[in-house]
Each structure stands twice: as C-alpha cells, then as structure tokens.
Amino acid sequence: MSLCYDKTADFDRILYLFGYPIKHSLSPLLHQLVYAALNLNWAYTINEQKELGPCLQAMQHPNFHGAAVTMPYKVTIIPYLDRLTPEGCSIGAINTIFIREENGQRLTYGTNTDCVGIREAILQNARPELLAAAHGRPAMVIGGGGTSRAALFALKEFLGFDTIYIVNRCKSEVEIMMRECTASGLDSCLIHVPTEAQAKVLPGPGLVVSAIPDLPPTDENERSVHKIVEMMLQKSDTGVLLEMCYHPSPNTAIYNSAVRAAWQVIPGTEAMIWQGLEQDKYWTGREIQDMPVLEVKNAIAAQLTKARVHL
C-alpha cells in the first residue's frame, strides 16, 4: 500500500517505512492486515527516499505515530531520535521508531525488533534436533550492516552462542562492528573470518544468519565471502541457516548452497513477520495474541508464491 502525502489526513495515525530501495517490501501488507483486524483507522505507507532529510520531515506530520526503518538508515537516523531502548543502544542500529509522551513532551524512541524477528524465526522453525546440536558449535553471521548487528545480538543474548564467526566483504565494516560490540559487551564471542585458509581450519558453525543482498560477486572480496560460506556449509555436520534476503526471490545463492549441503533453510520472511508483529506491539500497545498471525503468514506466503511464478 502506498499513499500520497496529502491523503494522510484521512487516517487517525500515519506510520511509514523509511529506506531505499523499498518498493518491493511486504511490510505494508503485514501491518495493514494487523490494523484492519484491530479496527484501527491507521495507514502504513512506503516512504522511499535516497536521502534521510525527507524522512525526518515526514516525522513532523501531526498524525505521525512511528516508522519502520530499513537500509541505509538504520544507523544514520539514530542522532535524530530523542531516546533509544536498551536493545537499540546495544545493537547500535534501529529498525523501529515509536512515540511516547513524557512530561508533556512528544518524544521519538528508537528500538530494534530485528533481533526478535531473528530469534523467533529460528525458534519457531528450526528442527529441534538441529537447534540442539547447533548449541555445541559456533554460530556465524554473514554481513556487516544493521541486520548483522541485530543477528549478533540475537545469537548471543537470546540464543546463548558463545562463539560467533563474522564473514563480510569489507574489513573496515567488521572493525566498526567489533568496536561497537566491545562497547556493548558482545565482543568476547566474536571471531572475524577474513580468508578461506582460516575458514578451512575452524570448526563448522551450527547456525548461520545471512544478511547480505543476493547479488553476483563483483570483486575478489565478494567472491571470497561466497567461497568461505561454501566451505563452512560443506563441513561434516549440517545445521540451520536463516536467509534474511527474500527479494526478488528467497531462493538466493546462499540459500541454494545451504540446500545442496543438506542444511535446513529458514526464509527471511519469517524474521520479517515476527519483527513486524513486534513493531506493532510498540505502536498499538496490543499483544501478539491479539493480532492475526495466521492471516499474516498466509498472505506473505501467497505473495512469495506469486513472486516465484513471475521470476
């Protein structure tokens, strides 16, 4: 659903999705289903911008009630918010803005529900025997952006992994992540895996979260990432992989590599659903049991089926 700015007066509350590119997003479908089920005259609309300024301007709308934030603004929008939740502070990236009234002031809060989405996607879908076996091995995160930060938090704080590999094309991004994790106390469990030679001698992971776009490698660093991932997936024991990328198809190169290696693969739409429902808890004040979870899941599945047909 996409709304023109001059039509927002027809709704009691306006919520946005900020980012670029985001026209493919399924989150408007998710949130509008929730608001319809809760009989809320609210609108959730895509606000696709190449620069942050227009997003900040949209937050000044009198009916603005919150926003979802995706790349490339999960980190850069933080200085413009009044407060962060503990999760937002620890992760260093936010995907949710919500409003709270305090002492007569209207304050913007930032939080991160990606970590909840990742946790629930794994706990609700991973085969119990694979998840149990995974806890005796390291975990691994592929990527260096805001979603990767949330994955590190979820793996350490929610799922209890003591060792987490980081695989990413850009060394400087990893260094920034490591510094931020040191500040938040997550650094003790992190191991950067920059080369195939190092990957070859390390124990294989049992749980992997992939948080990179599904694009063909264009340089040696990107090719190295894919080779490292292939090497890790081909080690003797299989496990569970959560592929966060689902556009234009959930069947990404990494998804297919994991399937060939007999891993269980969880599509990123599962994380998208659970992080979105967690957002609606902040925005509506209602609990998950009040929301049309099954209807949301069926609607997202239908859209994925349609996307596969048209590929």
Protein backbone atom coordinates (compact mmCIF):
# COMPACT_ATOMS: atom_id res chain seq x y z
CA MET A 1 0.00 0.00 0.00
CA SER A 2 1.38 3.42 -0.94
CA LEU A 3 -0.28 6.69 -0.02
CA CYS A 4 0.17 10.22 -1.26
CA TYR A 5 1.20 12.62 1.50
CA ASP A 6 -1.91 14.78 1.03
CA LYS A 7 -4.19 11.79 1.78
CA THR A 8 -2.77 11.12 5.23
CA ALA A 9 -5.36 13.39 6.88
CA ASP A 10 -7.94 10.64 6.23
CA PHE A 11 -6.28 8.44 8.87
CA ASP A 12 -6.05 8.69 12.64
CA ARG A 13 -2.41 7.59 12.66
CA ILE A 14 0.30 7.51 10.00
CA LEU A 15 3.25 5.12 10.04
CA TYR A 16 6.00 4.97 7.47
CA LEU A 17 8.63 2.66 6.11
CA PHE A 18 11.86 4.62 5.58
CA GLY A 19 14.62 3.32 3.33
CA TYR A 20 15.89 2.83 -0.20
CA PRO A 21 15.13 0.81 -2.30
CA ILE A 22 11.96 -0.48 -0.64
CA LYS A 23 9.16 -0.62 -3.23
CA HIS A 24 9.33 -4.42 -3.08
CA SER A 25 8.69 -4.54 0.69
CA LEU A 26 5.98 -6.83 2.03
CA SER A 27 5.73 -4.97 5.34
CA PRO A 28 2.82 -2.70 4.27
CA LEU A 29 0.77 -5.85 3.64
CA LEU A 30 1.65 -7.18 7.09
CA HIS A 31 0.85 -4.02 9.03
CA GLN A 32 -2.37 -3.16 7.19
CA LEU A 33 -3.67 -6.65 7.93
CA VAL A 34 -2.96 -6.07 11.62
CA TYR A 35 -4.64 -2.65 11.67
CA ALA A 36 -7.68 -3.97 9.85
CA ALA A 37 -8.02 -6.83 12.34
CA LEU A 38 -7.74 -4.40 15.26
CA ASN A 39 -10.25 -1.97 13.66
CA LEU A 40 -7.69 0.84 13.56
CA ASN A 41 -8.03 3.64 11.03
CA TRP A 42 -4.27 3.72 10.54
CA ALA A 43 -2.11 3.84 7.41
CA TYR A 44 1.32 2.31 6.92
CA THR A 45 2.95 3.69 3.81
CA ILE A 46 6.25 3.36 1.98
CA ASN A 47 8.38 6.49 2.09
CA GLU A 48 11.20 5.61 -0.28
CA GLN A 49 13.95 8.24 -0.19
CA LYS A 50 17.54 8.35 -1.43
CA GLU A 51 18.38 10.83 1.34
CA LEU A 52 17.39 10.91 5.00
CA GLY A 53 16.08 14.51 5.05
CA PRO A 54 12.59 13.84 3.62
CA CYS A 55 12.13 11.01 6.14
CA LEU A 56 12.89 13.37 9.00
CA GLN A 57 10.43 15.86 7.52
CA ALA A 58 7.71 13.17 7.37
CA MET A 59 8.17 12.60 11.11
CA GLN A 60 6.85 16.13 11.70
CA HIS A 61 3.40 15.24 10.36
CA PRO A 62 0.82 15.81 13.14
CA ASN A 63 -0.54 12.26 12.76
CA PHE A 64 2.89 10.61 12.68
CA HIS A 65 2.85 7.64 15.06
CA GLY A 66 6.03 5.77 14.18
CA ALA A 67 8.11 4.24 11.44
CA ALA A 68 9.94 1.16 10.36
CA VAL A 69 13.50 1.90 9.27
CA THR A 70 15.49 -0.19 6.85
CA MET A 71 18.72 0.22 4.92
CA PRO A 72 20.50 2.54 4.53
CA TYR A 73 19.17 4.47 7.55
CA LYS A 74 19.26 2.01 10.47
CA VAL A 75 22.35 3.70 11.92
CA THR A 76 22.30 7.20 10.43
CA ILE A 77 18.84 8.08 11.78
CA ILE A 78 19.84 7.47 15.41
CA PRO A 79 21.21 11.00 16.14
CA TYR A 80 17.82 12.47 15.21
CA LEU A 81 15.89 10.48 17.84
CA ASP A 82 15.25 11.52 21.44
CA ARG A 83 15.79 8.15 23.13
CA LEU A 84 16.93 4.59 22.43
CA THR A 85 15.74 1.42 24.15
CA PRO A 86 18.39 -0.88 25.66
CA GLU A 87 18.21 -3.08 22.55
CA GLY A 88 18.75 -0.10 20.27
CA CYS A 89 21.75 1.02 22.34
CA SER A 90 23.35 -2.43 22.47
CA ILE A 91 22.87 -3.21 18.79
CA GLY A 92 23.83 0.25 17.54
CA ALA A 93 21.17 0.13 14.82
CA ILE A 94 17.40 0.61 14.94
CA ASN A 95 14.57 -0.53 12.73
CA THR A 96 11.63 0.94 14.66
CA ILE A 97 10.62 4.43 15.74
CA PHE A 98 7.77 4.88 18.20
CA ILE A 99 6.30 7.84 20.07
CA ARG A 100 5.90 8.28 23.80
CA GLU A 101 4.52 11.24 25.74
CA GLU A 102 6.66 12.21 28.75
CA ASN A 103 6.08 15.29 30.92
CA GLY A 104 4.03 16.89 28.20
CA GLN A 105 6.67 16.25 25.55
CA ARG A 106 6.28 14.09 22.45
CA LEU A 107 9.47 12.00 22.26
CA THR A 108 10.74 9.77 19.47
CA TYR A 109 12.20 6.44 20.61
CA GLY A 110 14.30 4.06 18.55
CA THR A 111 14.43 0.34 19.11
CA ASN A 112 15.43 -2.81 17.26
CA THR A 113 12.91 -5.57 16.64
CA ASP A 114 15.08 -7.32 14.03
CA CYS A 115 16.71 -9.20 16.90
CA VAL A 116 13.30 -10.51 17.98
CA GLY A 117 12.42 -11.42 14.40
CA ILE A 118 15.66 -13.39 14.03
CA ARG A 119 15.13 -15.14 17.36
CA GLU A 120 11.55 -16.12 16.61
CA ALA A 121 12.26 -17.17 13.02
CA ILE A 122 14.80 -19.64 14.41
CA LEU A 123 12.93 -20.82 17.49
CA GLN A 124 9.62 -21.26 15.66
CA ASN A 125 11.03 -23.02 12.60
CA ALA A 126 14.34 -24.78 13.32
CA ARG A 127 14.11 -28.54 13.72
CA PRO A 128 14.65 -29.24 17.44
CA GLU A 129 17.42 -31.79 16.89
CA LEU A 130 19.36 -29.41 14.64
CA LEU A 131 18.99 -26.50 17.03
CA ALA A 132 20.12 -28.64 19.97
CA ALA A 133 23.17 -29.81 18.03
CA ALA A 134 23.95 -26.24 16.92
CA HIS A 135 24.47 -25.11 20.50
CA GLY A 136 27.57 -27.28 20.72
CA ARG A 137 29.13 -25.41 17.80
CA PRO A 138 29.81 -21.78 16.80
CA ALA A 139 27.25 -19.61 15.03
CA MET A 140 28.03 -17.45 12.00
CA VAL A 141 26.78 -14.09 10.67
CA ILE A 142 27.31 -13.10 7.03
CA GLY A 143 27.32 -9.33 6.52
CA GLY A 144 28.30 -6.10 8.24
CA GLY A 145 25.23 -3.86 8.30
CA GLY A 146 22.42 -3.12 10.73
CA THR A 147 20.74 -6.50 10.31
CA SER A 148 24.05 -8.24 11.03
CA ARG A 149 24.34 -6.28 14.27
CA ALA A 150 20.86 -7.45 15.27
CA ALA A 151 21.81 -11.03 14.37
CA LEU A 152 24.89 -10.87 16.61
CA PHE A 153 22.74 -9.62 19.48
CA ALA A 154 20.09 -12.31 18.96
CA LEU A 155 22.64 -15.13 18.73
CA LYS A 156 24.50 -14.02 21.84
CA GLU A 157 21.80 -12.60 24.13
CA PHE A 158 18.72 -14.62 23.17
CA LEU A 159 20.12 -17.91 21.87
CA GLY A 160 23.23 -18.18 24.04
CA PHE A 161 26.01 -18.77 21.49
CA ASP A 162 29.47 -18.29 22.98
CA THR A 163 31.35 -18.11 19.67
CA ILE A 164 30.13 -16.28 16.57
CA TYR A 165 32.02 -16.01 13.27
CA ILE A 166 31.68 -12.85 11.19
CA VAL A 167 32.13 -13.12 7.42
CA ASN A 168 31.97 -9.90 5.41
CA ARG A 169 33.48 -8.43 2.27
CA CYS A 170 34.62 -5.19 3.93
CA LYS A 171 37.24 -5.35 6.68
CA SER A 172 36.52 -1.79 7.85
CA GLU A 173 32.82 -2.63 8.43
CA VAL A 174 33.87 -5.59 10.58
CA GLU A 175 36.26 -3.38 12.56
CA ILE A 176 33.47 -0.90 13.26
CA MET A 177 31.16 -3.73 14.35
CA MET A 178 33.84 -5.15 16.62
CA ARG A 179 34.40 -1.75 18.28
CA GLU A 180 30.68 -1.28 18.81
CA CYS A 181 30.37 -4.80 20.20
CA THR A 182 33.24 -4.08 22.60
CA ALA A 183 31.36 -1.05 23.88
CA SER A 184 28.19 -3.10 24.43
CA GLY A 185 29.94 -6.15 25.91
CA LEU A 186 29.34 -8.53 22.99
CA ASP A 187 32.92 -8.66 21.70
CA SER A 188 34.18 -11.65 23.69
CA CYS A 189 32.36 -14.13 21.45
CA LEU A 190 33.25 -12.71 18.02
CA ILE A 191 35.77 -14.11 15.52
CA HIS A 192 36.35 -12.44 12.17
CA VAL A 193 36.92 -14.98 9.40
CA PRO A 194 38.60 -13.00 6.58
CA THR A 195 40.16 -15.79 4.50
CA GLU A 196 39.45 -19.23 3.12
CA ALA A 197 42.60 -20.50 4.81
CA GLN A 198 41.22 -19.54 8.22
CA ALA A 199 37.80 -20.96 7.40
CA LYS A 200 39.40 -24.26 6.45
CA VAL A 201 40.84 -24.88 9.94
CA LEU A 202 37.92 -23.60 12.02
CA PRO A 203 35.14 -25.85 13.36
CA GLY A 204 31.97 -25.59 11.27
CA PRO A 205 29.05 -23.48 12.51
CA GLY A 206 25.74 -24.99 13.50
CA LEU A 207 23.60 -21.89 12.96
CA VAL A 208 24.09 -19.25 10.26
CA VAL A 209 22.33 -15.93 9.65
CA SER A 210 22.94 -14.50 6.18
CA ALA A 211 22.27 -10.75 5.96
CA ILE A 212 23.65 -9.70 2.57
CA PRO A 213 21.88 -8.90 -0.72
CA ASP A 214 21.62 -11.63 -3.31
CA LEU A 215 23.90 -10.06 -5.92
CA PRO A 216 26.57 -11.72 -8.07
CA PRO A 217 30.09 -11.09 -6.68
CA THR A 218 31.81 -8.20 -8.45
CA ASP A 219 35.27 -8.24 -6.85
CA GLU A 220 37.68 -10.58 -5.11
CA ASN A 221 36.43 -9.69 -1.61
CA GLU A 222 32.86 -10.61 -2.52
CA ARG A 223 33.99 -13.81 -4.23
CA SER A 224 35.98 -14.69 -1.11
CA VAL A 225 32.89 -14.30 1.08
CA HIS A 226 30.96 -16.80 -1.04
CA LYS A 227 33.88 -19.26 -1.01
CA ILE A 228 34.17 -19.00 2.78
CA VAL A 229 30.43 -19.59 3.19
CA GLU A 230 30.54 -22.59 0.83
CA MET A 231 33.46 -24.02 2.79
CA MET A 232 31.68 -23.59 6.11
CA LEU A 233 28.47 -25.17 4.81
CA GLN A 234 30.34 -28.16 3.38
CA LYS A 235 31.91 -29.19 6.68
CA SER A 236 30.83 -32.56 8.01
CA ASP A 237 27.84 -31.53 10.18
CA THR A 238 24.76 -29.78 8.81
CA GLY A 239 22.76 -27.11 10.65
CA VAL A 240 20.23 -24.30 10.28
CA LEU A 241 20.59 -21.24 8.05
CA LEU A 242 18.33 -18.18 8.21
CA GLU A 243 18.47 -16.34 4.87
CA MET A 244 17.32 -12.79 5.60
CA CYS A 245 17.24 -11.77 1.93
CA TYR A 246 13.96 -12.61 0.19
CA HIS A 247 13.87 -10.16 -2.74
CA PRO A 248 13.50 -10.72 -5.61
CA SER A 249 13.31 -14.37 -4.50
CA PRO A 250 14.01 -16.23 -1.25
CA ASN A 251 15.97 -18.76 -3.32
CA THR A 252 19.26 -16.85 -3.11
CA ALA A 253 22.71 -18.16 -3.98
CA ILE A 254 23.43 -18.80 -0.30
CA TYR A 255 20.01 -20.39 0.20
CA ASN A 256 20.72 -22.80 -2.66
CA SER A 257 24.23 -23.56 -1.38
CA ALA A 258 22.78 -24.48 2.01
CA VAL A 259 20.11 -26.70 0.46
CA ARG A 260 22.76 -28.54 -1.57
CA ALA A 261 24.71 -29.10 1.65
CA ALA A 262 21.56 -30.58 3.30
CA TRP A 263 21.09 -27.69 5.74
CA GLN A 264 17.65 -26.62 6.92
CA VAL A 265 16.99 -23.17 5.45
CA ILE A 266 14.54 -20.70 7.01
CA PRO A 267 13.38 -17.89 4.68
CA GLY A 268 13.86 -14.29 5.79
CA THR A 269 10.13 -13.62 5.54
CA GLU A 270 9.80 -15.49 8.83
CA ALA A 271 12.03 -12.92 10.53
CA MET A 272 10.22 -10.12 8.72
CA ILE A 273 6.87 -11.32 10.06
CA TRP A 274 7.98 -11.61 13.68
CA GLN A 275 9.91 -8.33 13.76
CA GLY A 276 6.87 -6.62 12.19
CA LEU A 277 4.47 -8.01 14.77
CA GLU A 278 6.89 -6.87 17.50
CA GLN A 279 6.79 -3.39 15.95
CA ASP A 280 3.02 -3.40 16.15
CA LYS A 281 3.26 -4.18 19.85
CA TYR A 282 5.11 -0.88 20.30
CA TRP A 283 2.74 1.05 18.05
CA THR A 284 -0.62 -0.38 19.13
CA GLY A 285 0.02 -1.41 22.73
CA ARG A 286 -1.54 -4.80 21.95
CA GLU A 287 0.00 -8.25 22.40
CA ILE A 288 0.84 -10.78 19.69
CA GLN A 289 -2.11 -12.99 20.66
CA ASP A 290 -4.44 -10.11 19.68
CA MET A 291 -3.01 -9.98 16.16
CA PRO A 292 -3.96 -12.02 13.05
CA VAL A 293 -0.71 -14.02 12.96
CA LEU A 294 -2.01 -16.86 10.78
CA GLU A 295 -3.64 -14.44 8.33
CA VAL A 296 -0.36 -12.52 8.05
CA LYS A 297 1.63 -15.71 7.46
CA ASN A 298 -0.78 -16.91 4.76
CA ALA A 299 -0.78 -13.53 2.99
CA ILE A 300 3.03 -13.34 2.95
CA ALA A 301 3.27 -16.93 1.70
CA ALA A 302 0.84 -16.13 -1.11
CA GLN A 303 2.96 -13.13 -2.16
CA LEU A 304 6.10 -15.28 -2.19
CA THR A 305 4.38 -17.85 -4.37
CA LYS A 306 3.32 -15.11 -6.76
CA ALA A 307 6.88 -13.74 -6.88
CA ARG A 308 8.30 -17.17 -7.72
CA VAL A 309 5.78 -17.58 -10.56
CA HIS A 310 6.79 -14.27 -12.10
CA LEU A 311 10.56 -14.76 -11.87
